């Protein structure tokens, strides 16, 4: 056994860049007895995981319901709604690298480098979130109101989520512990989407959202036909959205407090030996020329875009194309509950068969169900079956990007061992690309509804609108998924490469241990 352990240590040292193990640079320390493996308690992992819920609870509510809220409750015209959705998502994307830049310049404090951002952004974020779901009394400038508070909230939630995502690299130096914590996190995040879907959907679903049988009728006719009931029902719906926003804001605060009290940042041993800080733009250039990172974000760019298209248009698709006006919130809940149950299964699968195999199986499993939705007639039972099955693929889409990104960062650290502080850049630019593409797709999809004749507050839509919604929820995502899977063929970090990197990193950390 001792011989085997020594051989493994020597093999790991051989994987390091020669600049790390130069003659006279404490060579004996590489051979010294390794430190005891760092273990995270279940409590630590749970506290860390709970921190992922605020982003998902609010993001799910906005992703699934903001479009239909703007069109049918706030009664913003489709063109203005498309501008709000596109600019909001695009701004959200831009803030990720900006916040990443600011974090990389932040000094370490008693609370860490990342945690102060989470603490100070939380109270402002919940105020901005609540105001998104408030319908102001004035009509002139209403679109500007929603654009302002949507952008403000996305900025503040980015100040929470980018440091939280980067925290993955600072809760443990062990790959297995980080993977385990990520699985906890993904389970809680999917539970967060369930909460967001259930709270928003069930509270809003109880309200009697009014619709007009003939939206093209004259104003006098509309005012004479159930005007009082329509006004009262619309006000009830608006109040329901406010109530849901208040509940979700409370969950945001509770989860942030648990994260802040239950998690501590840890610095890498070799990072504390580095005195000279690296410029952000040099770090950005190094990150954006790291091949595995570019290939990973290219693959997930298309697959994430596919699921975001479904998310953004699902409520309208169920309401108008399938005719399930009072069921879409329950269908969403079925999808998210199924995803929650299957997260642990995917964690076992990627541990047993590898992460690349999990990508191919998990993401591609959505394609048959999307094809079935495109071809079938409106059938509620079949739709529920498809929703439950689709949740399996949603779980894989949640788990895999965040499980694979730390492997890319480890690979980068081995190739650039004297560079530190790049973790926020990796996480923020990954989110930047997916959010910006999401903003473009959602803006285009809302514009396409406008061009095909979408009628605000109508009980039904023209055939062209129904067909457009079906294409946005089925065929477009299928094409994007297939493109993403083709790009994943180029991703170089397989399980053998991960094992080599793990051994090399262990040797690197031992080399930097103080005598």
Protein backbone atom coordinates (compact mmCIF):
# COMPACT_ATOMS: atom_id res chain seq x y z
CA UNK A 1 0.00 0.00 0.00
CA UNK A 2 2.79 2.46 0.88
CA UNK A 3 4.49 1.78 -2.43
CA UNK A 4 1.29 2.40 -4.33
CA UNK A 5 0.68 5.67 -2.54
CA UNK A 6 4.19 6.89 -3.28
CA UNK A 7 3.84 6.00 -6.95
CA UNK A 8 0.58 7.91 -7.19
CA UNK A 9 2.17 10.96 -5.59
CA UNK A 10 5.08 10.86 -8.01
CA UNK A 11 2.71 10.45 -10.96
CA UNK A 12 0.72 13.43 -9.84
CA UNK A 13 3.84 15.53 -9.51
CA UNK A 14 4.76 14.61 -13.06
CA UNK A 15 1.56 16.21 -14.30
CA UNK A 16 2.48 19.62 -12.90
CA UNK A 17 4.00 22.38 -15.03
CA UNK A 18 7.78 22.36 -14.70
CA UNK A 19 7.76 25.92 -13.34
CA UNK A 20 6.05 24.69 -10.17
CA UNK A 21 8.50 21.96 -9.23
CA UNK A 22 11.84 23.62 -9.97
CA UNK A 23 14.95 22.47 -8.19
CA UNK A 24 15.20 23.82 -4.69
CA UNK A 25 11.48 24.71 -4.50
CA UNK A 26 10.67 22.52 -1.51
CA UNK A 27 10.72 19.20 -3.44
CA UNK A 28 10.54 17.20 -0.25
CA UNK A 29 7.20 18.74 0.58
CA UNK A 30 5.57 17.05 -2.41
CA UNK A 31 6.49 13.69 -0.93
CA UNK A 32 5.36 14.46 2.58
CA UNK A 33 2.31 12.76 3.97
CA UNK A 34 -0.84 14.36 2.49
CA UNK A 35 -3.19 16.26 4.70
CA UNK A 36 -6.38 14.57 5.72
CA UNK A 37 -9.05 14.86 3.04
CA UNK A 38 -11.21 17.89 3.61
CA UNK A 39 -14.81 16.89 4.31
CA UNK A 40 -17.85 19.12 4.23
CA UNK A 41 -20.62 18.28 6.65
CA UNK A 42 -24.15 17.74 5.43
CA UNK A 43 -25.09 20.94 7.25
CA UNK A 44 -22.42 22.90 5.35
CA UNK A 45 -23.64 21.51 2.03
CA UNK A 46 -27.26 22.26 2.83
CA UNK A 47 -26.51 25.84 3.89
CA UNK A 48 -24.52 26.33 0.70
CA UNK A 49 -27.25 24.72 -1.41
CA UNK A 50 -30.03 26.87 0.07
CA UNK A 51 -28.22 29.93 -1.26
CA UNK A 52 -29.10 28.88 -4.80
CA UNK A 53 -32.84 29.04 -4.20
CA UNK A 54 -33.36 32.86 -4.38
CA UNK A 55 -32.03 33.12 -7.92
CA UNK A 56 -34.12 30.18 -9.10
CA UNK A 57 -37.35 31.14 -7.28
CA UNK A 58 -37.34 34.65 -8.71
CA UNK A 59 -35.93 33.59 -12.08
CA UNK A 60 -38.58 30.90 -12.50
CA UNK A 61 -41.41 33.30 -11.67
CA UNK A 62 -40.05 35.89 -14.09
CA UNK A 63 -39.20 33.37 -16.79
CA UNK A 64 -42.55 31.62 -16.85
CA UNK A 65 -44.91 34.47 -15.96
CA UNK A 66 -43.44 37.87 -16.87
CA UNK A 67 -44.36 37.69 -20.54
CA UNK A 68 -48.02 36.78 -19.95
CA UNK A 69 -48.16 39.28 -17.04
CA UNK A 70 -46.97 42.15 -19.22
CA UNK A 71 -49.32 41.26 -22.07
CA UNK A 72 -52.53 40.29 -20.28
CA UNK A 73 -52.37 41.86 -16.79
CA UNK A 74 -50.31 45.05 -17.11
CA UNK A 75 -51.67 45.31 -20.69
CA UNK A 76 -48.41 46.45 -22.22
CA UNK A 77 -48.53 46.22 -26.02
CA UNK A 78 -46.56 43.30 -27.53
CA UNK A 79 -43.87 45.51 -29.11
CA UNK A 80 -43.12 47.29 -25.81
CA UNK A 81 -43.19 43.94 -23.99
CA UNK A 82 -40.60 42.56 -26.41
CA UNK A 83 -38.37 45.58 -25.74
CA UNK A 84 -38.71 45.10 -21.97
CA UNK A 85 -37.90 41.39 -22.16
CA UNK A 86 -34.98 41.81 -24.57
CA UNK A 87 -33.35 44.83 -22.93
CA UNK A 88 -33.90 43.35 -19.45
CA UNK A 89 -32.24 40.06 -20.35
CA UNK A 90 -29.47 41.76 -22.35
CA UNK A 91 -28.74 44.12 -19.46
CA UNK A 92 -28.79 41.16 -17.10
CA UNK A 93 -26.17 39.51 -19.30
CA UNK A 94 -23.97 42.62 -19.39
CA UNK A 95 -24.01 43.00 -15.60
CA UNK A 96 -22.51 39.52 -15.08
CA UNK A 97 -19.01 40.35 -16.39
CA UNK A 98 -19.22 43.83 -14.81
CA UNK A 99 -19.96 42.32 -11.42
CA UNK A 100 -17.30 39.68 -12.05
CA UNK A 101 -14.79 42.47 -12.72
CA UNK A 102 -15.74 44.27 -9.51
CA UNK A 103 -15.52 41.08 -7.47
CA UNK A 104 -12.07 40.30 -8.88
CA UNK A 105 -10.95 43.70 -7.58
CA UNK A 106 -12.55 43.19 -4.17
CA UNK A 107 -10.21 42.66 -1.22
CA UNK A 108 -10.53 39.76 1.19
CA UNK A 109 -12.38 40.81 4.33
CA UNK A 110 -13.23 39.13 7.59
CA UNK A 111 -16.33 37.77 5.85
CA UNK A 112 -14.43 36.77 2.72
CA UNK A 113 -14.29 38.34 -0.72
CA UNK A 114 -17.64 37.10 -2.05
CA UNK A 115 -19.98 37.15 0.94
CA UNK A 116 -20.21 40.98 1.35
CA UNK A 117 -21.72 41.21 -2.13
CA UNK A 118 -24.44 38.76 -1.14
CA UNK A 119 -25.18 40.57 2.11
CA UNK A 120 -25.54 44.09 0.72
CA UNK A 121 -27.45 43.20 -2.49
CA UNK A 122 -30.23 41.20 -0.82
CA UNK A 123 -32.47 43.94 0.71
CA UNK A 124 -32.33 46.13 -2.41
CA UNK A 125 -33.06 43.17 -4.69
CA UNK A 126 -36.29 42.21 -2.94
CA UNK A 127 -37.61 45.81 -3.16
CA UNK A 128 -36.92 45.94 -6.90
CA UNK A 129 -38.48 42.48 -7.39
CA UNK A 130 -41.70 43.52 -5.67
CA UNK A 131 -42.01 46.64 -7.84
CA UNK A 132 -41.76 44.57 -11.03
CA UNK A 133 -45.14 43.02 -10.18
CA UNK A 134 -46.79 46.33 -9.25
CA UNK A 135 -49.10 47.96 -11.83
CA UNK A 136 -48.73 51.76 -11.58
CA UNK A 137 -51.81 53.96 -11.92
CA UNK A 138 -50.40 55.91 -14.87
CA UNK A 139 -50.48 54.55 -18.42
CA UNK A 140 -47.95 56.94 -19.95
CA UNK A 141 -44.48 55.62 -19.22
CA UNK A 142 -45.70 52.28 -17.85
CA UNK A 143 -43.31 50.38 -20.11
CA UNK A 144 -40.43 52.48 -18.77
CA UNK A 145 -41.46 51.56 -15.20
CA UNK A 146 -41.18 47.83 -15.92
CA UNK A 147 -37.96 48.22 -17.87
CA UNK A 148 -36.35 50.25 -15.06
CA UNK A 149 -37.21 47.89 -12.21
CA UNK A 150 -36.60 44.75 -14.28
CA UNK A 151 -33.07 45.96 -15.10
CA UNK A 152 -32.48 47.11 -11.52
CA UNK A 153 -33.55 43.77 -10.09
CA UNK A 154 -31.42 41.82 -12.56
CA UNK A 155 -28.41 43.93 -11.59
CA UNK A 156 -28.93 43.29 -7.89
CA UNK A 157 -29.64 39.58 -8.24
CA UNK A 158 -26.44 39.33 -10.31
CA UNK A 159 -24.57 40.85 -7.36
CA UNK A 160 -25.95 37.90 -5.39
CA UNK A 161 -25.62 35.08 -7.90
CA UNK A 162 -22.17 35.67 -9.44
CA UNK A 163 -20.35 35.57 -6.08
CA UNK A 164 -22.57 32.69 -4.99
CA UNK A 165 -21.66 30.70 -8.12
CA UNK A 166 -17.95 31.44 -7.65
CA UNK A 167 -18.28 30.28 -4.03
CA UNK A 168 -18.29 26.73 -5.40
CA UNK A 169 -14.51 26.96 -5.74
CA UNK A 170 -14.03 28.20 -2.17
CA UNK A 171 -16.09 25.83 -0.06
CA UNK A 172 -13.62 22.96 -0.53
CA UNK A 173 -10.44 22.09 -2.41
CA UNK A 174 -11.66 18.52 -3.06
CA UNK A 175 -13.31 17.78 -6.44
CA UNK A 176 -15.55 15.11 -4.93
CA UNK A 177 -16.74 17.44 -2.17
CA UNK A 178 -17.46 20.23 -4.66
CA UNK A 179 -19.37 17.81 -6.89
CA UNK A 180 -21.38 16.59 -3.92
CA UNK A 181 -22.12 20.17 -2.81
CA UNK A 182 -23.12 21.02 -6.39
CA UNK A 183 -25.57 18.12 -6.40
CA UNK A 184 -27.08 19.43 -3.15
CA UNK A 185 -27.22 22.88 -4.71
CA UNK A 186 -28.91 21.69 -7.90
CA UNK A 187 -31.49 19.75 -5.91
CA UNK A 188 -32.32 22.83 -3.87
CA UNK A 189 -32.33 25.03 -6.99
CA UNK A 190 -34.81 22.75 -8.71
CA UNK A 191 -36.85 22.83 -5.50
CA UNK A 192 -36.57 26.60 -5.82
CA UNK A 193 -38.09 26.43 -9.28
CA UNK A 194 -40.84 24.24 -7.84
CA UNK A 195 -41.47 26.84 -5.17
CA UNK A 196 -41.43 29.65 -7.71
CA UNK A 197 -43.79 27.76 -9.98
CA UNK A 198 -46.09 26.67 -7.16
CA UNK A 199 -46.27 30.02 -5.38
CA UNK A 200 -46.61 32.15 -8.49
CA UNK A 201 -48.78 29.68 -10.37
CA UNK A 202 -51.14 28.65 -7.61
CA UNK A 203 -51.69 32.13 -6.17
CA UNK A 204 -52.14 33.73 -9.59
CA UNK A 205 -54.16 30.75 -10.80
CA UNK A 206 -56.77 31.34 -8.10
CA UNK A 207 -57.51 34.79 -9.54
CA UNK A 208 -60.08 35.14 -12.30
CA UNK A 209 -57.97 36.68 -15.05
CA UNK A 210 -60.43 38.36 -17.41
CA UNK A 211 -60.29 37.91 -21.16
CA UNK A 212 -62.31 39.42 -23.98
CA UNK A 213 -64.29 37.28 -26.40
CA UNK A 214 -64.05 39.99 -29.05
CA UNK A 215 -61.04 42.28 -28.48
CA UNK A 216 -61.71 44.06 -31.79
CA UNK A 217 -65.13 45.34 -30.67
CA UNK A 218 -65.63 49.05 -30.20
CA UNK A 219 -64.76 50.73 -26.91
CA UNK A 220 -68.40 51.51 -26.20
CA UNK A 221 -69.37 47.88 -26.65
CA UNK A 222 -66.60 46.69 -24.34
CA UNK A 223 -67.55 49.21 -21.67
CA UNK A 224 -71.15 48.07 -21.77
CA UNK A 225 -70.36 44.36 -21.46
CA UNK A 226 -69.43 43.22 -17.98
CA UNK A 227 -67.25 46.30 -17.43
CA UNK A 228 -67.51 46.18 -13.64
CA UNK A 229 -66.75 42.45 -13.45
CA UNK A 230 -63.82 42.81 -15.84
CA UNK A 231 -62.28 45.68 -13.88
CA UNK A 232 -62.72 43.89 -10.55
CA UNK A 233 -61.26 40.65 -11.90
CA UNK A 234 -58.25 42.42 -13.37
CA UNK A 235 -57.60 44.16 -10.04
CA UNK A 236 -57.82 40.82 -8.24
CA UNK A 237 -55.29 39.36 -10.63
CA UNK A 238 -52.93 42.27 -10.08
CA UNK A 239 -53.23 41.82 -6.30
CA UNK A 240 -52.55 38.10 -6.70
CA UNK A 241 -49.27 38.86 -8.48
CA UNK A 242 -48.32 41.24 -5.66
CA UNK A 243 -49.10 38.60 -3.03
CA UNK A 244 -46.98 36.04 -4.85
CA UNK A 245 -44.14 38.58 -5.11
CA UNK A 246 -44.29 39.20 -1.35
CA UNK A 247 -44.08 35.49 -0.54
CA UNK A 248 -41.17 34.94 -2.94
CA UNK A 249 -39.33 37.98 -1.56
CA UNK A 250 -39.63 36.50 1.95
CA UNK A 251 -38.13 33.21 0.76
CA UNK A 252 -35.27 35.16 -0.85
CA UNK A 253 -34.39 36.80 2.48
CA UNK A 254 -34.61 33.57 4.52
CA UNK A 255 -32.36 31.65 2.12
CA UNK A 256 -29.81 34.48 2.01
CA UNK A 257 -29.59 34.52 5.83
CA UNK A 258 -29.04 30.73 5.95
CA UNK A 259 -26.26 31.00 3.35
CA UNK A 260 -24.54 33.88 5.13
CA UNK A 261 -24.60 32.19 8.54
CA UNK A 262 -23.81 28.65 7.37
CA UNK A 263 -20.97 29.01 4.83
CA UNK A 264 -17.39 30.26 5.11
CA UNK A 265 -15.00 30.96 2.24
CA UNK A 266 -11.64 29.17 2.09
CA UNK A 267 -8.63 30.40 0.17
CA UNK A 268 -6.44 28.08 -1.87
CA UNK A 269 -3.04 27.47 -0.18
CA UNK A 270 -1.12 28.56 -3.26
CA UNK A 271 -3.26 31.70 -3.66
CA UNK A 272 -2.15 33.04 -0.28
CA UNK A 273 1.47 32.81 -1.48
CA UNK A 274 0.77 35.14 -4.42
CA UNK A 275 1.33 38.82 -3.64
CA UNK A 276 1.03 40.45 -7.05
CA UNK A 277 -2.61 40.85 -8.19
CA UNK A 278 -3.53 40.08 -11.78
CA UNK A 279 -5.33 42.64 -13.94
CA UNK A 280 -8.91 41.83 -14.86
CA UNK A 281 -8.31 42.17 -18.59
CA UNK A 282 -5.31 39.89 -18.54
CA UNK A 283 -7.38 37.35 -16.63
CA UNK A 284 -10.23 37.77 -19.12
CA UNK A 285 -7.88 37.19 -22.05
CA UNK A 286 -6.50 34.04 -20.44
CA UNK A 287 -9.97 32.72 -19.59
CA UNK A 288 -11.40 33.39 -23.05
CA UNK A 289 -8.49 31.62 -24.73
CA UNK A 290 -8.82 28.51 -22.55
CA UNK A 291 -10.07 25.90 -25.01
CA UNK A 292 -12.14 23.66 -22.70
CA UNK A 293 -14.02 26.70 -21.36
CA UNK A 294 -14.95 27.99 -24.81
CA UNK A 295 -16.15 24.54 -25.90
CA UNK A 296 -18.17 24.06 -22.72
CA UNK A 297 -20.00 27.38 -22.92
CA UNK A 298 -20.60 26.93 -26.67
CA UNK A 299 -22.36 23.62 -26.04
CA UNK A 300 -24.42 24.83 -23.12
CA UNK A 301 -25.22 28.09 -24.92
CA UNK A 302 -27.44 26.24 -27.38
CA UNK A 303 -28.92 23.72 -24.95
CA UNK A 304 -29.70 26.38 -22.35
CA UNK A 305 -31.25 28.54 -25.05
CA UNK A 306 -33.55 25.67 -25.98
CA UNK A 307 -34.90 25.31 -22.45
CA UNK A 308 -35.22 29.10 -22.04
CA UNK A 309 -37.36 29.30 -25.19
CA UNK A 310 -39.69 26.70 -23.73
CA UNK A 311 -39.72 28.46 -20.37
CA UNK A 312 -40.49 31.89 -21.80
CA UNK A 313 -43.36 30.77 -24.03
CA UNK A 314 -44.81 27.83 -22.08
CA UNK A 315 -47.58 29.75 -20.31
CA UNK A 316 -48.83 31.29 -23.57
CA UNK A 317 -48.49 27.95 -25.37
CA UNK A 318 -50.62 26.12 -22.78
CA UNK A 319 -53.17 28.94 -22.63
CA UNK A 320 -53.74 29.55 -26.33
CA UNK A 321 -52.34 26.65 -28.39
CA UNK A 322 -53.35 23.75 -26.14
CA UNK A 323 -56.34 25.57 -24.63
CA UNK A 324 -55.41 24.82 -20.99
CA UNK A 325 -55.90 28.32 -19.59
CA UNK A 326 -56.49 27.07 -16.03
CA UNK A 327 -53.98 24.22 -16.08
CA UNK A 328 -50.64 25.65 -17.20
CA UNK A 329 -49.47 26.38 -13.64
CA UNK A 330 -50.16 22.76 -12.68
CA UNK A 331 -48.27 21.52 -15.77
CA UNK A 332 -45.30 23.66 -14.77
CA UNK A 333 -45.44 22.22 -11.28
CA UNK A 334 -45.44 18.66 -12.70
CA UNK A 335 -42.31 19.42 -14.74
CA UNK A 336 -40.43 20.87 -11.78
CA UNK A 337 -41.45 18.17 -9.31
CA UNK A 338 -40.25 15.54 -11.78
CA UNK A 339 -36.96 17.41 -12.17
CA UNK A 340 -36.49 17.60 -8.40
CA UNK A 341 -36.94 13.86 -7.97
CA UNK A 342 -34.47 13.00 -10.75
CA UNK A 343 -31.59 15.32 -9.73
CA UNK A 344 -30.09 12.67 -7.36
CA UNK A 345 -30.43 10.08 -10.12
CA UNK A 346 -28.44 12.24 -12.53
CA UNK A 347 -25.82 12.85 -9.84
CA UNK A 348 -25.42 9.07 -9.48
CA UNK A 349 -25.36 8.67 -13.28
CA UNK A 350 -22.60 11.24 -13.87
CA UNK A 351 -20.54 9.69 -11.04
CA UNK A 352 -20.98 6.21 -12.52
CA UNK A 353 -20.76 6.91 -16.25
CA UNK A 354 -19.14 10.35 -16.53
CA UNK A 355 -20.36 13.87 -17.13
CA UNK A 356 -20.10 13.86 -20.92
CA UNK A 357 -22.25 10.75 -21.13
CA UNK A 358 -24.77 12.37 -18.77
CA UNK A 359 -24.93 15.37 -21.13
CA UNK A 360 -25.68 13.23 -24.17
CA UNK A 361 -28.32 11.10 -22.46
CA UNK A 362 -29.89 13.77 -20.28
CA UNK A 363 -30.21 16.66 -22.73
CA UNK A 364 -31.21 14.54 -25.72
CA UNK A 365 -34.00 12.86 -23.73
CA UNK A 366 -36.08 16.03 -24.17
CA UNK A 367 -36.22 15.68 -27.97
CA UNK A 368 -38.79 12.82 -28.23
CA UNK A 369 -41.16 14.60 -25.86
CA UNK A 370 -40.90 17.89 -27.74
CA UNK A 371 -41.67 16.05 -30.96
CA UNK A 372 -44.70 14.43 -29.30
CA UNK A 373 -45.98 17.83 -28.14
CA UNK A 374 -45.58 19.17 -31.69
CA UNK A 375 -47.53 16.32 -33.27
CA UNK A 376 -50.27 15.53 -30.77
CA UNK A 377 -53.70 17.09 -30.48
CA UNK A 378 -54.73 18.93 -27.34
CA UNK A 379 -55.03 16.19 -24.70
CA UNK A 380 -54.64 17.05 -21.01
CA UNK A 381 -53.68 13.56 -19.79
CA UNK A 382 -51.02 13.12 -22.46
CA UNK A 383 -49.73 16.61 -21.75
CA UNK A 384 -49.26 15.74 -18.06
CA UNK A 385 -47.38 12.57 -19.00
CA UNK A 386 -45.12 14.55 -21.32
CA UNK A 387 -44.59 17.20 -18.61
CA UNK A 388 -43.44 14.60 -16.06
CA UNK A 389 -41.12 12.98 -18.60
CA UNK A 390 -39.71 16.33 -19.70
CA UNK A 391 -38.74 17.07 -16.09
CA UNK A 392 -36.08 14.35 -16.36
CA UNK A 393 -34.27 16.33 -19.04
CA UNK A 394 -34.78 19.61 -17.18
CA UNK A 395 -32.96 18.09 -14.18
CA UNK A 396 -29.95 17.24 -16.33
CA UNK A 397 -29.94 20.75 -17.83
CA UNK A 398 -29.90 22.21 -14.30
CA UNK A 399 -27.17 20.00 -12.86
CA UNK A 400 -24.60 19.47 -15.58
CA UNK A 401 -23.34 22.98 -16.45
CA UNK A 402 -22.57 23.83 -12.83
CA UNK A 403 -21.04 20.42 -12.23
CA UNK A 404 -18.70 20.67 -15.25
CA UNK A 405 -17.57 24.29 -14.89
CA UNK A 406 -15.36 23.63 -11.79
CA UNK A 407 -13.54 20.94 -13.82
CA UNK A 408 -12.67 23.57 -16.43
CA UNK A 409 -11.40 25.94 -13.72
CA UNK A 410 -9.22 23.17 -12.24
CA UNK A 411 -7.78 22.52 -15.70
CA UNK A 412 -7.05 26.24 -16.06
CA UNK A 413 -5.29 26.37 -12.67
CA UNK A 414 -2.96 23.59 -13.76
CA UNK A 415 -2.05 25.40 -16.97
CA UNK A 416 -1.79 28.80 -15.24
CA UNK A 417 -0.71 27.92 -11.68
CA UNK A 418 0.49 31.43 -10.80
CA UNK A 419 -2.80 33.07 -11.83
CA UNK A 420 -5.49 33.41 -9.20
CA UNK A 421 -8.77 35.26 -8.72
CA UNK A 422 -10.25 34.22 -12.11
CA UNK A 423 -13.17 32.21 -10.70
CA UNK A 424 -15.69 35.10 -10.93
CA UNK A 425 -14.65 35.64 -14.56
CA UNK A 426 -15.33 32.01 -15.44
CA UNK A 427 -18.76 31.99 -13.81
CA UNK A 428 -19.87 35.48 -14.84
CA UNK A 429 -19.01 35.11 -18.53
CA UNK A 430 -20.66 31.69 -18.71
CA UNK A 431 -23.86 33.29 -17.40
CA UNK A 432 -23.31 36.33 -19.66
CA UNK A 433 -23.41 34.31 -22.89
CA UNK A 434 -26.47 32.29 -21.91
CA UNK A 435 -28.42 35.30 -20.64
CA UNK A 436 -27.62 37.48 -23.65
CA UNK A 437 -28.70 34.75 -26.06
CA UNK A 438 -31.81 34.22 -23.94
CA UNK A 439 -32.65 37.93 -24.17
CA UNK A 440 -32.29 37.89 -27.94
CA UNK A 441 -34.44 34.77 -28.31
CA UNK A 442 -37.16 35.97 -25.95
CA UNK A 443 -37.30 39.40 -27.57
CA UNK A 444 -37.53 37.84 -31.03
CA UNK A 445 -40.20 35.36 -29.93
CA UNK A 446 -42.36 38.15 -28.45
CA UNK A 447 -41.88 40.25 -31.58
CA UNK A 448 -42.89 37.29 -33.74
CA UNK A 449 -46.13 37.04 -31.73
CA UNK A 450 -46.74 40.72 -32.44
CA UNK A 451 -46.14 40.23 -36.17
CA UNK A 452 -48.51 37.26 -36.32
CA UNK A 453 -51.31 39.26 -34.70
CA UNK A 454 -51.25 38.56 -30.94
CA UNK A 455 -54.34 40.11 -29.30
CA UNK A 456 -53.93 41.36 -25.74
CA UNK A 457 -56.50 40.03 -23.21
CA UNK A 458 -58.18 37.92 -25.90
CA UNK A 459 -59.71 34.60 -24.84
CA UNK A 460 -58.33 33.04 -28.03
CA UNK A 461 -55.67 33.86 -30.60
CA UNK A 462 -55.47 33.64 -34.40
CA UNK A 463 -54.25 30.38 -35.92
CA UNK A 464 -50.96 32.06 -36.90
CA UNK A 465 -50.23 32.91 -33.26
CA UNK A 466 -50.99 29.36 -32.12
CA UNK A 467 -48.70 27.91 -34.79
CA UNK A 468 -45.92 30.35 -33.86
CA UNK A 469 -46.16 29.36 -30.20
CA UNK A 470 -45.96 25.68 -31.13
CA UNK A 471 -42.80 26.28 -33.17
CA UNK A 472 -41.22 28.32 -30.36
CA UNK A 473 -41.87 25.58 -27.79
CA UNK A 474 -41.07 22.50 -29.91
CA UNK A 475 -39.16 22.73 -33.18
CA UNK A 476 -36.83 25.64 -32.33
CA UNK A 477 -35.66 24.00 -29.05
CA UNK A 478 -35.09 20.67 -30.83
CA UNK A 479 -32.77 22.30 -33.37
CA UNK A 480 -30.87 24.13 -30.61
CA UNK A 481 -30.45 20.95 -28.54
CA UNK A 482 -29.03 19.03 -31.50
CA UNK A 483 -26.56 21.82 -32.26
CA UNK A 484 -25.46 21.91 -28.62
CA UNK A 485 -24.87 18.16 -28.50
CA UNK A 486 -22.75 18.32 -31.64
CA UNK A 487 -20.56 20.98 -30.01
CA UNK A 488 -20.11 18.83 -26.90
CA UNK A 489 -18.20 16.33 -29.04
CA UNK A 490 -15.33 18.85 -28.98
CA UNK A 491 -15.25 19.19 -25.17
CA UNK A 492 -11.93 17.59 -24.09
CA UNK A 493 -12.32 16.93 -20.33
CA UNK A 494 -13.49 13.35 -19.97
CA UNK A 495 -13.31 11.21 -16.83
CA UNK A 496 -9.70 10.17 -17.40
CA UNK A 497 -8.65 13.80 -17.79
CA UNK A 498 -10.55 14.72 -14.62
CA UNK A 499 -8.68 12.04 -12.64
CA UNK A 500 -5.31 13.27 -13.93
CA UNK A 501 -6.16 16.86 -13.05
CA UNK A 502 -7.25 15.84 -9.56
CA UNK A 503 -3.90 14.16 -8.84
CA UNK A 504 -1.95 17.08 -10.26
CA UNK A 505 -3.89 19.60 -8.18
CA UNK A 506 -3.25 17.60 -5.02
CA UNK A 507 0.48 17.72 -5.75
CA UNK A 508 0.27 21.45 -6.48
CA UNK A 509 -1.43 22.19 -3.16
CA UNK A 510 1.14 20.10 -1.27
CA UNK A 511 3.94 21.99 -3.01
CA UNK A 512 2.55 25.27 -1.66
CA UNK A 513 2.00 24.03 1.90
CA UNK A 514 4.12 25.96 4.41
CA UNK A 515 6.98 24.03 5.96
